[in-house]
Structures are given as C-alpha cells and as structure tokens.
Amino acid sequence: ISDWKDYSGRYEFDKYLLNTPVIVNKQTTGCGFTTYVLVNNENTILVSPRTQLLRNKWESFSGRVFYFNREYDESGKQEIELGDLIMNLGNYIGECHSKNQPVKLLVTYDSFPRLCDLLESNGVPVRDFRIVIDESHCLIKDVQMKEHGINCVISDFLRRLFCYQRLLFVSATPIIEYIRKIDE
C-alpha cells in the first residue's frame, strides 16, 4: 500500500479516505498499510494497543514520527517525565510546521485522551488529524475478555475517539466475526 502511487507520486489509497469513519479490513499482514499512514501527507495519530508496535514504528521512522510514550520502567517510574514529554511534543510539532511536513503521532489507547487534551490546550485541533486505530479488532476483543479496569480504559478511549470524524479502523483480523460475538 505504501508503494501504491499514481504517475504524479500521490498515494492511490488517498482516494478512499473520507471525512467519516472508515473500516479497512486488510486481511493481510505486512502489506505496508501502517507505513502508508506514517508517510502520506496527512496529519495522523496512530493509536495502537501494542506498545511494541509503536516502539518499532518510532525506531523505524526516527525523526519523522513522535511517540507519546507514557510507559513505565521496571521500577514503576515513568520512562519520560511528563514535562519533558510535553516539551518534546511541542518541539516536534513546531519542527513539522517549519519544514511543512505532516505531524505523525503514535499513542496507546489509554494515552489517547491525554494526548488529545494536550493538543487542544495548545491550539492544535485534533479534528485536523486522521486518527488511525490499528489492531482495531482488539477494541472488541478486549472489552469482551478483560477485567473491569481494561473496560474503563477502552470506554474512555471510545468516548473520546467518537468525538472526531476522520477515523480509520484498521485490522488484518476479520472484524465481523468479533462483532457477531458481542450482544451489544
């Protein structure tokens, strides 16, 4: 997908991105879809339940993406102090604007509301971003299978997520089969 361009160099998949929620059931892993959303010309927030995926993308796209990392180390201390994280985020966004490049942010489901609050409080409208929910089948699976604490995280995430229109739900796992298993 990340190599699929027209003769002028524009990404062909851009034609399918609407300003409404879209589900991409790609059915094939490793097809370059996550890479596509990190290299196209849209401001993007990539949300994933998998910190390892976010770390890998952050390392692969060093300098081009910003990982809003609120992880904790083995001692229970936050890896990056919140003040430093906020300062680094502001610097990254400023650098993107000065280079006329799209802003590409990586974040976990649980940190998404905090990131949105920070962006909005600093005059960066979240509605200007394409919000890509990677591994979106996990939303359904995790709510169904996990304990109360995880349900609260997912509920808070979904409540905030659906405030926005430019949503792209991505999964290589057949989502319909998960939806059929949930009464709601």
C-alpha atoms as a PDB file:
ATOM      1  CA  ILE A   1       0.000   0.000   0.000  1.00  0.00           C
ATOM      2  CA  SER A   2       2.831   2.405   0.845  1.00  0.00           C
ATOM      3  CA  ASP A   3       4.269   1.847  -2.668  1.00  0.00           C
ATOM      4  CA  TRP A   4       0.937   2.279  -4.498  1.00  0.00           C
ATOM      5  CA  LYS A   5       1.269   5.698  -6.146  1.00  0.00           C
ATOM      6  CA  ASP A   6      -0.063   7.315  -9.297  1.00  0.00           C
ATOM      7  CA  TYR A   7       2.105   8.798 -12.041  1.00  0.00           C
ATOM      8  CA  SER A   8       2.421  12.111 -10.202  1.00  0.00           C
ATOM      9  CA  GLY A   9       3.637  10.390  -7.000  1.00  0.00           C
ATOM     10  CA  ARG A  10       0.415  10.736  -4.988  1.00  0.00           C
ATOM     11  CA  TYR A  11      -0.737   7.805  -2.901  1.00  0.00           C
ATOM     12  CA  GLU A  12      -3.567   5.954  -4.621  1.00  0.00           C
ATOM     13  CA  PHE A  13      -5.170   4.935  -1.328  1.00  0.00           C
ATOM     14  CA  ASP A  14      -5.765   8.619  -0.511  1.00  0.00           C
ATOM     15  CA  LYS A  15      -8.798   8.412  -2.819  1.00  0.00           C
ATOM     16  CA  TYR A  16     -10.520   6.120  -0.341  1.00  0.00           C
ATOM     17  CA  LEU A  17     -10.011   8.276   2.736  1.00  0.00           C
ATOM     18  CA  LEU A  18     -13.202  10.053   3.641  1.00  0.00           C
ATOM     19  CA  ASN A  19     -14.003  12.554   6.348  1.00  0.00           C
ATOM     20  CA  THR A  20     -16.149   9.915   8.013  1.00  0.00           C
ATOM     21  CA  PRO A  21     -15.206   6.746   9.903  1.00  0.00           C
ATOM     22  CA  VAL A  22     -13.834   4.017   7.608  1.00  0.00           C
ATOM     23  CA  ILE A  23     -13.010   0.372   8.313  1.00  0.00           C
ATOM     24  CA  VAL A  24     -10.089  -1.189   6.464  1.00  0.00           C
ATOM     25  CA  ASN A  25     -10.194  -4.959   6.869  1.00  0.00           C
ATOM     26  CA  LYS A  26      -6.893  -5.522   5.082  1.00  0.00           C
ATOM     27  CA  GLN A  27      -6.877  -9.321   5.686  1.00  0.00           C
ATOM     28  CA  THR A  28      -3.126  -9.459   5.028  1.00  0.00           C
ATOM     29  CA  THR A  29      -0.405  -8.529   7.478  1.00  0.00           C
ATOM     30  CA  GLY A  30       2.764  -6.849   6.293  1.00  0.00           C
ATOM     31  CA  CYS A  31       1.129  -5.107   3.317  1.00  0.00           C
ATOM     32  CA  GLY A  32       2.547  -1.689   4.206  1.00  0.00           C
ATOM     33  CA  PHE A  33      -0.648  -0.065   5.450  1.00  0.00           C
ATOM     34  CA  THR A  34       0.787   1.218   8.737  1.00  0.00           C
ATOM     35  CA  THR A  35       3.790   2.534   6.827  1.00  0.00           C
ATOM     36  CA  TYR A  36       1.412   4.263   4.397  1.00  0.00           C
ATOM     37  CA  VAL A  37      -0.373   6.213   7.141  1.00  0.00           C
ATOM     38  CA  LEU A  38       3.006   7.277   8.563  1.00  0.00           C
ATOM     39  CA  VAL A  39       4.401   8.547   5.243  1.00  0.00           C
ATOM     40  CA  ASN A  40       1.364  10.032   3.498  1.00  0.00           C
ATOM     41  CA  ASN A  41       0.668  13.779   3.566  1.00  0.00           C
ATOM     42  CA  GLU A  42      -1.990  13.803   6.289  1.00  0.00           C
ATOM     43  CA  ASN A  43      -1.567  14.749   9.919  1.00  0.00           C
ATOM     44  CA  THR A  44      -2.023  11.379  11.617  1.00  0.00           C
ATOM     45  CA  ILE A  45      -2.484   9.979  15.090  1.00  0.00           C
ATOM     46  CA  LEU A  46      -1.746   6.245  15.021  1.00  0.00           C
ATOM     47  CA  VAL A  47      -3.374   4.581  18.023  1.00  0.00           C
ATOM     48  CA  SER A  48      -2.442   1.015  18.949  1.00  0.00           C
ATOM     49  CA  PRO A  49      -2.880  -1.295  21.927  1.00  0.00           C
ATOM     50  CA  ARG A  50       0.588  -2.713  21.225  1.00  0.00           C
ATOM     51  CA  THR A  51       3.451  -0.696  22.706  1.00  0.00           C
ATOM     52  CA  GLN A  52       5.959  -2.861  20.854  1.00  0.00           C
ATOM     53  CA  LEU A  53       4.385  -1.938  17.510  1.00  0.00           C
ATOM     54  CA  LEU A  54       4.584   1.747  18.448  1.00  0.00           C
ATOM     55  CA  ARG A  55       8.201   1.415  19.566  1.00  0.00           C
ATOM     56  CA  ASN A  56       9.123  -0.369  16.328  1.00  0.00           C
ATOM     57  CA  LYS A  57       7.476   2.309  14.185  1.00  0.00           C
ATOM     58  CA  TRP A  58       9.085   5.059  16.259  1.00  0.00           C
ATOM     59  CA  GLU A  59      12.516   3.496  15.759  1.00  0.00           C
ATOM     60  CA  SER A  60      11.899   2.821  12.040  1.00  0.00           C
ATOM     61  CA  PHE A  61      10.741   6.366  11.343  1.00  0.00           C
ATOM     62  CA  SER A  62      13.149   8.173  13.651  1.00  0.00           C
ATOM     63  CA  GLY A  63      12.599  11.914  13.481  1.00  0.00           C
ATOM     64  CA  ARG A  64       9.516  11.628  11.247  1.00  0.00           C
ATOM     65  CA  VAL A  65       7.126  10.446  13.975  1.00  0.00           C
ATOM     66  CA  PHE A  66       6.614  11.257  17.645  1.00  0.00           C
ATOM     67  CA  TYR A  67       5.813   8.539  20.184  1.00  0.00           C
ATOM     68  CA  PHE A  68       3.722   9.916  23.060  1.00  0.00           C
ATOM     69  CA  ASN A  69       5.387   7.458  25.419  1.00  0.00           C
ATOM     70  CA  ARG A  70       3.811   7.271  28.864  1.00  0.00           C
ATOM     71  CA  GLU A  71       5.246   3.833  29.653  1.00  0.00           C
ATOM     72  CA  TYR A  72       6.761   2.909  32.974  1.00  0.00           C
ATOM     73  CA  ASP A  73      10.058   1.122  33.594  1.00  0.00           C
ATOM     74  CA  GLU A  74      10.538  -1.922  35.833  1.00  0.00           C
ATOM     75  CA  SER A  75      10.766   0.246  38.961  1.00  0.00           C
ATOM     76  CA  GLY A  76       7.366   1.811  38.280  1.00  0.00           C
ATOM     77  CA  LYS A  77       8.809   5.172  37.232  1.00  0.00           C
ATOM     78  CA  GLN A  78       7.611   6.834  34.055  1.00  0.00           C
ATOM     79  CA  GLU A  79      10.266   6.382  31.333  1.00  0.00           C
ATOM     80  CA  ILE A  80       9.963  10.012  30.256  1.00  0.00           C
ATOM     81  CA  GLU A  81       8.876  12.724  32.696  1.00  0.00           C
ATOM     82  CA  LEU A  82       5.551  14.239  31.646  1.00  0.00           C
ATOM     83  CA  GLY A  83       7.010  17.749  31.473  1.00  0.00           C
ATOM     84  CA  ASP A  84       9.766  16.575  29.129  1.00  0.00           C
ATOM     85  CA  LEU A  85       7.270  14.631  27.040  1.00  0.00           C
ATOM     86  CA  ILE A  86       5.071  17.715  26.626  1.00  0.00           C
ATOM     87  CA  MET A  87       8.065  19.884  25.722  1.00  0.00           C
ATOM     88  CA  ASN A  88       9.317  17.303  23.197  1.00  0.00           C
ATOM     89  CA  LEU A  89       5.848  17.066  21.655  1.00  0.00           C
ATOM     90  CA  GLY A  90       5.690  20.848  21.208  1.00  0.00           C
ATOM     91  CA  ASN A  91       9.170  20.890  19.675  1.00  0.00           C
ATOM     92  CA  TYR A  92       8.265  18.080  17.275  1.00  0.00           C
ATOM     93  CA  ILE A  93       5.060  19.811  16.111  1.00  0.00           C
ATOM     94  CA  GLY A  94       6.933  23.093  15.672  1.00  0.00           C
ATOM     95  CA  GLU A  95       9.614  21.347  13.625  1.00  0.00           C
ATOM     96  CA  CYS A  96       6.988  19.684  11.395  1.00  0.00           C
ATOM     97  CA  HIS A  97       5.325  23.036  10.772  1.00  0.00           C
ATOM     98  CA  SER A  98       8.626  24.752   9.982  1.00  0.00           C
ATOM     99  CA  LYS A  99       9.517  22.007   7.466  1.00  0.00           C
ATOM    100  CA  ASN A 100       5.961  21.967   6.054  1.00  0.00           C
ATOM    101  CA  GLN A 101       5.655  18.265   6.949  1.00  0.00           C
ATOM    102  CA  PRO A 102       2.631  16.441   8.321  1.00  0.00           C
ATOM    103  CA  VAL A 103       2.543  15.687  12.041  1.00  0.00           C
ATOM    104  CA  LYS A 104       2.659  11.946  12.771  1.00  0.00           C
ATOM    105  CA  LEU A 105       1.895  10.905  16.356  1.00  0.00           C
ATOM    106  CA  LEU A 106       1.969   7.430  17.923  1.00  0.00           C
ATOM    107  CA  VAL A 107      -0.020   6.678  21.072  1.00  0.00           C
ATOM    108  CA  THR A 108      -1.628   3.814  23.005  1.00  0.00           C
ATOM    109  CA  TYR A 109      -5.386   3.558  23.580  1.00  0.00           C
ATOM    110  CA  ASP A 110      -5.067   4.578  27.221  1.00  0.00           C
ATOM    111  CA  SER A 111      -2.938   7.680  26.492  1.00  0.00           C
ATOM    112  CA  PHE A 112      -5.050   8.898  23.575  1.00  0.00           C
ATOM    113  CA  PRO A 113      -7.407  11.120  25.656  1.00  0.00           C
ATOM    114  CA  ARG A 114      -4.417  12.760  27.405  1.00  0.00           C
ATOM    115  CA  LEU A 115      -2.699  13.433  24.068  1.00  0.00           C
ATOM    116  CA  CYS A 116      -5.903  14.983  22.673  1.00  0.00           C
ATOM    117  CA  ASP A 117      -6.218  17.221  25.739  1.00  0.00           C
ATOM    118  CA  LEU A 118      -2.618  18.404  25.327  1.00  0.00           C
ATOM    119  CA  LEU A 119      -3.014  19.091  21.630  1.00  0.00           C
ATOM    120  CA  GLU A 120      -6.262  21.007  22.064  1.00  0.00           C
ATOM    121  CA  SER A 121      -4.959  23.028  25.021  1.00  0.00           C
ATOM    122  CA  ASN A 122      -2.005  24.103  22.855  1.00  0.00           C
ATOM    123  CA  GLY A 123      -4.175  25.193  19.943  1.00  0.00           C
ATOM    124  CA  VAL A 124      -3.642  22.089  17.801  1.00  0.00           C
ATOM    125  CA  PRO A 125      -7.106  20.875  16.693  1.00  0.00           C
ATOM    126  CA  VAL A 126      -7.405  17.097  16.809  1.00  0.00           C
ATOM    127  CA  ARG A 127     -10.102  17.306  14.124  1.00  0.00           C
ATOM    128  CA  ASP A 128      -7.271  18.188  11.691  1.00  0.00           C
ATOM    129  CA  PHE A 129      -5.779  14.699  12.155  1.00  0.00           C
ATOM    130  CA  ARG A 130      -6.671  11.358  10.612  1.00  0.00           C
ATOM    131  CA  ILE A 131      -6.995   9.063  13.624  1.00  0.00           C
ATOM    132  CA  VAL A 132      -5.885   5.564  12.693  1.00  0.00           C
ATOM    133  CA  ILE A 133      -6.928   2.816  15.101  1.00  0.00           C
ATOM    134  CA  ASP A 134      -4.517  -0.022  14.394  1.00  0.00           C
ATOM    135  CA  GLU A 135      -5.383  -3.548  15.522  1.00  0.00           C
ATOM    136  CA  SER A 136      -8.965  -2.293  15.839  1.00  0.00           C
ATOM    137  CA  HIS A 137     -10.313  -5.804  16.421  1.00  0.00           C
ATOM    138  CA  CYS A 138      -8.685  -5.529  19.885  1.00  0.00           C
ATOM    139  CA  LEU A 139     -11.288  -2.937  20.861  1.00  0.00           C
ATOM    140  CA  ILE A 140     -13.982  -5.552  20.551  1.00  0.00           C
ATOM    141  CA  LYS A 141     -11.948  -8.477  21.850  1.00  0.00           C
ATOM    142  CA  ASP A 142     -10.521  -6.632  24.875  1.00  0.00           C
ATOM    143  CA  VAL A 143     -13.843  -5.230  26.055  1.00  0.00           C
ATOM    144  CA  GLN A 144     -15.345  -8.684  25.883  1.00  0.00           C
ATOM    145  CA  MET A 145     -12.499 -10.590  27.559  1.00  0.00           C
ATOM    146  CA  LYS A 146     -10.684  -8.317  30.022  1.00  0.00           C
ATOM    147  CA  GLU A 147     -11.376  -7.261  33.566  1.00  0.00           C
ATOM    148  CA  HIS A 148     -13.181  -4.101  34.693  1.00  0.00           C
ATOM    149  CA  GLY A 149     -10.089  -1.844  34.605  1.00  0.00           C
ATOM    150  CA  ILE A 150      -9.468  -2.523  30.929  1.00  0.00           C
ATOM    151  CA  ASN A 151     -13.137  -1.939  30.148  1.00  0.00           C
ATOM    152  CA  CYS A 152     -12.859   1.529  31.718  1.00  0.00           C
ATOM    153  CA  VAL A 153      -9.764   2.338  29.628  1.00  0.00           C
ATOM    154  CA  ILE A 154     -11.492   1.193  26.440  1.00  0.00           C
ATOM    155  CA  SER A 155     -14.723   3.038  27.339  1.00  0.00           C
ATOM    156  CA  ASP A 156     -12.824   6.280  27.995  1.00  0.00           C
ATOM    157  CA  PHE A 157     -10.885   5.831  24.764  1.00  0.00           C
ATOM    158  CA  LEU A 158     -14.027   5.187  22.697  1.00  0.00           C
ATOM    159  CA  ARG A 159     -15.920   8.073  24.272  1.00  0.00           C
ATOM    160  CA  ARG A 160     -13.117  10.438  23.262  1.00  0.00           C
ATOM    161  CA  LEU A 161     -12.468   8.786  19.894  1.00  0.00           C
ATOM    162  CA  PHE A 162     -16.010   9.212  18.626  1.00  0.00           C
ATOM    163  CA  CYS A 163     -15.838  12.967  19.168  1.00  0.00           C
ATOM    164  CA  TYR A 164     -13.957  13.012  15.855  1.00  0.00           C
ATOM    165  CA  GLN A 165     -14.978  12.138  12.286  1.00  0.00           C
ATOM    166  CA  ARG A 166     -11.780  11.304  10.415  1.00  0.00           C
ATOM    167  CA  LEU A 167     -11.391   7.802  11.842  1.00  0.00           C
ATOM    168  CA  LEU A 168      -9.712   4.869  10.136  1.00  0.00           C
ATOM    169  CA  PHE A 169     -10.162   1.468  11.800  1.00  0.00           C
ATOM    170  CA  VAL A 170      -7.516  -0.985  10.560  1.00  0.00           C
ATOM    171  CA  SER A 171      -7.205  -4.708  11.164  1.00  0.00           C
ATOM    172  CA  ALA A 172      -5.914  -7.822   9.432  1.00  0.00           C
ATOM    173  CA  THR A 173      -8.190  -9.903  11.663  1.00  0.00           C
ATOM    174  CA  PRO A 174     -11.760 -10.428  10.414  1.00  0.00           C
ATOM    175  CA  ILE A 175     -13.661  -7.854  12.470  1.00  0.00           C
ATOM    176  CA  ILE A 176     -17.139  -9.091  11.573  1.00  0.00           C
ATOM    177  CA  GLU A 177     -16.551 -12.374  13.411  1.00  0.00           C
ATOM    178  CA  TYR A 178     -15.703 -10.449  16.599  1.00  0.00           C
ATOM    179  CA  ILE A 179     -18.736  -8.184  16.253  1.00  0.00           C
ATOM    180  CA  ARG A 180     -21.063 -11.187  15.951  1.00  0.00           C
ATOM    181  CA  LYS A 181     -19.849 -12.467  19.342  1.00  0.00           C
ATOM    182  CA  ILE A 182     -20.966  -9.350  21.221  1.00  0.00           C
ATOM    183  CA  ASP A 183     -24.575  -8.962  22.277  1.00  0.00           C
ATOM    184  CA  GLU A 184     -24.473  -5.164  22.087  1.00  0.00           C
END
